[in-house]
Structure formats: structure tokens, C-alpha cells
């Protein structure tokens, strides 16, 4: 084998090694992108949960919580303007967090099952007459049309059950089981 043939053989071998290195690099980068996407999903879910938990903690610490919970299930004629402003801020905050969840779901960060769990939250917050009427007359205007349509569909599919009544039933069941 002469020097030129040996150089050609080494050159071909070098190209082969380069091609293998490129393929291995692409495989490595694919794995890294998948892991990064999964990390972003988890981080996004934690941030959403943290926001909702912070809001819930804040609400529990306020003196108005008991009256607002009663407002959710009360006769609309007994609800004052102040009750409505407080209720609006509470429901708006929850829906804003869920809207962010929806945007992340739309971009492929979350699964269908995960998003369905969020729609149940929408259904429970808007299950009673007062917050539902707020949504239909005022709240819907605060959100983009695509998200508002999703909320409307959830309300239409919920069948008008009362979340407050379900909570009361759960409390009654707990009390009867503990006695």
C-alpha cells in the first residue's frame, strides 16, 4: 500500500469517525431537550400550584373568607356590592392562574389529563349562581376569547351542581363517620 492510498484510507476513517460523532451528538442533544422539556413541565406545574396555594393561604388568613364562602352559595339578592368586588378578585385570581395553565397546555407542556383536572377547578368555582352570573356578565370580558370559550364549555357541561352543597355533604359525611 503506497503513501497516497494510506492517506486516503486514513481520511475515509476520519470521516467515518466524524459522522459517528455527529450522530452521537444528535442523540445526546435529543435526550437533553426531552429532559429539559420535562423539567419545564414540572417547574410550570409547581409554579401554578404555588400560586394557587399562596392565594388560598392569603384568603384563609383574611376575615372575609367565611362571608365569601357563604356568598358563593347564597341567594343572589343577599349579595352586596362589596361581596361582589371581593368575590370578583378571588375568582379572577384563580381564573388567571388557570388561564396560564391553559396556555401551557396549549403549547404542549401538559397532558390532556392534567388539563382536565384544571377544568374541574373552573367548574367548582363557577358552580354556584353568584359566581356563575359574575362570569357571564362581567368576568368573561377579562379573558381572551379562546379561554373564555373553554370556561363557557366547562360551565355548560357541569350541569349546574353546587360546589358548596358538595362541600356541605362531605362535611356531613365526615361528621357522621366520626361519631
Foldseek 3Di string as FASTA:
>chain_A
DDPVVVVVVVVVVVVVVVVVVVVVVVVVVVVVVVVVLLVVLVVLVVVLVVQVVVLVVVLVPDPCNVVLLCVQADDPVPQDPVSLVVLCVSLLSLLVSLVVVVVCVVVPSDDPVVNVVSLVVLCQSCLGDSNVVCLVPPVLVVDDPVSSVSSVVSNVPSPSDHNSVVVVVVVVVVVVVVD
